[in-house]
Amino acid sequence: MSEGILLPPAPRGALLDEATRVSRLREAIPQIEAAASGETDAVALQATLACLLWETFVQSNWCGFYRRVRPTELAVGPYQGTMGCLRIDFARGVCGACARTRAVQLVPDVHAFPGHIACDDRTRAELVVPVVAHGELRAVLDLDSPHLAGFGQAEADLLLPLVQRVFGGADVVW
């Protein structure tokens, strides 16, 4: 799928209403899965998802992956958007909380999150999804938005199984 993702146009940076955002994501998921189908390289999959989710989530100012590179450390991976943090310890921030707990982190206001790391001062909301393969945390998918409540529970509920399907295959090479 070299043409990217086919969705109704929406201006980058706009905070669409939740129903529209969920509809866009539902429409994007089969296209994302088709683009990822047959790919076994984890970095190629991360780059592809970062690109296609960036196109889907127009309210994002950052969309990408932090890869687990040490027992309790993440390093920036493929992403779209502004400069990301280069390294994140599991003890810090929303991504660290996701890595520690292996649970989705949906944060409507990052300034209310204890220990939030401000990689981009414009970020107000965050959604982080664990990437677990073969029982091991491999990465986290991080989505940031400059809008309060830029992501909702329905989006989190759709992203987690998508990530599990794309990265859960026995043939994905980490």
Protein backbone atom coordinates (compact mmCIF):
# COMPACT_ATOMS: atom_id res chain seq x y z
CA MET A 1 0.00 0.00 0.00
CA SER A 2 2.31 2.74 -1.23
CA GLU A 3 -0.33 5.47 -1.41
CA GLY A 4 -0.65 5.77 2.37
CA ILE A 5 -4.01 5.56 4.02
CA LEU A 6 -7.35 6.49 2.50
CA LEU A 7 -9.45 8.49 4.94
CA PRO A 8 -11.69 11.54 4.68
CA PRO A 9 -9.53 14.67 4.74
CA ALA A 10 -9.04 16.34 8.11
CA PRO A 11 -6.71 19.23 8.93
CA ARG A 12 -3.53 18.31 10.82
CA GLY A 13 -3.78 19.53 14.39
CA ALA A 14 -7.58 19.55 14.56
CA LEU A 15 -9.28 17.91 17.52
CA LEU A 16 -12.15 16.09 15.85
CA ASP A 17 -15.06 14.94 17.99
CA GLU A 18 -14.61 11.50 19.53
CA ALA A 19 -17.15 9.77 17.27
CA THR A 20 -15.34 11.03 14.17
CA ARG A 21 -11.94 10.03 15.56
CA VAL A 22 -13.17 6.52 16.36
CA SER A 23 -14.79 6.22 12.94
CA ARG A 24 -11.51 7.24 11.26
CA LEU A 25 -9.58 4.69 13.31
CA ARG A 26 -12.08 1.91 12.52
CA GLU A 27 -11.74 2.76 8.82
CA ALA A 28 -7.94 2.86 9.05
CA ILE A 29 -7.41 -0.43 10.90
CA PRO A 30 -8.01 -2.78 7.92
CA GLN A 31 -5.76 -0.59 5.78
CA ILE A 32 -3.03 -0.63 8.43
CA GLU A 33 -3.30 -4.40 8.76
CA ALA A 34 -3.12 -4.79 4.97
CA ALA A 35 0.02 -2.62 4.83
CA ALA A 36 1.64 -4.63 7.65
CA SER A 37 0.60 -8.01 6.31
CA GLY A 38 3.51 -10.32 5.63
CA GLU A 39 6.14 -7.96 7.09
CA THR A 40 8.29 -9.64 9.76
CA ASP A 41 10.82 -6.91 10.62
CA ALA A 42 9.76 -5.15 13.82
CA VAL A 43 11.38 -1.81 12.85
CA ALA A 44 9.66 -1.81 9.46
CA LEU A 45 6.35 -2.51 11.19
CA GLN A 46 6.95 0.27 13.71
CA ALA A 47 7.80 2.76 10.95
CA THR A 48 4.71 1.76 8.97
CA LEU A 49 2.37 2.03 11.95
CA ALA A 50 3.88 5.35 13.03
CA CYS A 51 3.24 6.77 9.56
CA LEU A 52 -0.28 5.42 9.10
CA LEU A 53 -1.43 6.24 12.63
CA TRP A 54 -0.01 9.76 12.19
CA GLU A 55 -2.28 10.14 9.18
CA THR A 56 -5.22 8.73 11.15
CA PHE A 57 -4.78 10.73 14.36
CA VAL A 58 -4.67 14.30 13.03
CA GLN A 59 -4.86 15.59 16.60
CA SER A 60 -1.38 14.15 17.31
CA ASN A 61 1.82 16.12 17.57
CA TRP A 62 3.84 12.90 18.09
CA CYS A 63 3.14 9.33 17.07
CA GLY A 64 5.70 6.59 17.35
CA PHE A 65 7.53 3.96 19.27
CA TYR A 66 9.96 3.72 22.13
CA ARG A 67 11.85 0.43 21.95
CA ARG A 68 12.98 -1.52 25.01
CA VAL A 69 16.78 -1.51 24.80
CA ARG A 70 17.68 -2.45 28.39
CA PRO A 71 15.77 -4.15 31.19
CA THR A 72 14.30 -0.82 32.37
CA GLU A 73 15.09 1.60 29.54
CA LEU A 74 13.34 2.66 26.35
CA ALA A 75 15.00 4.37 23.37
CA VAL A 76 13.23 6.35 20.68
CA GLY A 77 12.25 4.35 17.62
CA PRO A 78 10.42 5.16 14.40
CA TYR A 79 8.08 8.13 14.79
CA GLN A 80 6.34 11.07 13.16
CA GLY A 81 6.18 14.53 14.69
CA THR A 82 8.36 16.79 16.77
CA MET A 83 11.60 15.75 18.50
CA GLY A 84 11.03 12.92 20.98
CA CYS A 85 12.93 12.07 24.13
CA LEU A 86 15.92 9.93 23.22
CA ARG A 87 15.79 7.67 26.29
CA ILE A 88 13.12 7.01 28.90
CA ASP A 89 13.64 5.05 32.09
CA PHE A 90 10.75 2.82 33.17
CA ALA A 91 10.55 4.88 36.39
CA ARG A 92 9.64 8.08 34.53
CA GLY A 93 6.72 9.46 32.58
CA VAL A 94 3.67 7.99 30.91
CA CYS A 95 5.76 5.75 28.61
CA GLY A 96 7.69 4.45 31.62
CA ALA A 97 4.42 3.69 33.44
CA CYS A 98 3.18 1.76 30.41
CA ALA A 99 6.46 -0.16 30.18
CA ARG A 100 6.43 -0.98 33.92
CA THR A 101 2.81 -2.11 34.07
CA ARG A 102 2.34 -3.36 30.49
CA ALA A 103 -1.02 -1.60 30.67
CA VAL A 104 -2.45 1.06 28.36
CA GLN A 105 -1.98 4.56 29.75
CA LEU A 106 -4.71 7.04 28.74
CA VAL A 107 -3.85 10.45 30.17
CA PRO A 108 -6.27 13.30 29.33
CA ASP A 109 -4.03 15.93 31.01
CA VAL A 110 -0.33 15.11 31.22
CA HIS A 111 0.27 17.99 33.61
CA ALA A 112 -1.79 16.09 36.18
CA PHE A 113 0.30 12.93 35.71
CA PRO A 114 3.00 12.56 38.41
CA GLY A 115 6.45 12.42 36.85
CA HIS A 116 5.35 13.39 33.35
CA ILE A 117 8.30 14.00 31.02
CA ALA A 118 7.86 17.04 28.78
CA CYS A 119 9.60 16.04 25.56
CA ASP A 120 7.41 18.64 23.83
CA ASP A 121 5.95 21.37 26.06
CA ARG A 122 2.90 21.63 23.77
CA THR A 123 1.73 18.10 24.61
CA ARG A 124 -1.36 18.05 26.81
CA ALA A 125 -2.72 14.48 26.40
CA GLU A 126 -1.11 11.11 25.86
CA LEU A 127 -2.09 7.57 24.95
CA VAL A 128 0.55 4.83 25.35
CA VAL A 129 0.02 1.19 24.35
CA PRO A 130 2.38 -1.66 25.33
CA VAL A 131 3.89 -3.78 22.58
CA VAL A 132 4.27 -7.28 24.01
CA ALA A 133 5.53 -10.19 21.94
CA HIS A 134 6.23 -13.72 23.16
CA GLY A 135 5.40 -12.60 26.71
CA GLU A 136 8.05 -9.87 26.70
CA LEU A 137 7.66 -6.09 26.53
CA ARG A 138 9.37 -5.05 23.28
CA ALA A 139 8.26 -1.41 22.93
CA VAL A 140 5.50 1.08 23.61
CA LEU A 141 3.40 2.95 21.05
CA ASP A 142 3.18 6.58 22.15
CA LEU A 143 0.63 9.10 20.88
CA ASP A 144 0.76 12.72 22.06
CA SER A 145 -1.71 15.55 21.46
CA PRO A 146 -1.56 19.28 22.15
CA HIS A 147 -5.27 19.08 23.09
CA LEU A 148 -6.61 18.20 26.52
CA ALA A 149 -8.39 14.84 26.27
CA GLY A 150 -6.96 14.40 22.79
CA PHE A 151 -7.60 10.66 22.96
CA GLY A 152 -10.44 8.61 24.40
CA GLN A 153 -11.05 5.15 25.79
CA ALA A 154 -12.60 3.90 22.54
CA GLU A 155 -9.38 4.74 20.68
CA ALA A 156 -7.33 2.94 23.33
CA ASP A 157 -9.65 -0.06 23.10
CA LEU A 158 -9.12 -0.26 19.33
CA LEU A 159 -5.35 0.33 19.37
CA LEU A 160 -4.41 -2.36 21.88
CA PRO A 161 -5.72 -5.31 19.84
CA LEU A 162 -4.34 -3.77 16.62
CA VAL A 163 -0.87 -3.61 18.16
CA GLN A 164 -1.25 -7.16 19.48
CA ARG A 165 -2.23 -8.47 16.04
CA VAL A 166 0.53 -6.65 14.16
CA PHE A 167 3.38 -7.47 16.54
CA GLY A 168 2.19 -10.72 18.10
CA GLY A 169 3.08 -13.01 15.23
CA ALA A 170 5.64 -15.71 15.87
CA ASP A 171 7.54 -14.66 12.75
CA VAL A 172 8.17 -11.01 13.77
CA VAL A 173 11.92 -10.49 14.14
CA TRP A 174 12.97 -8.27 17.02
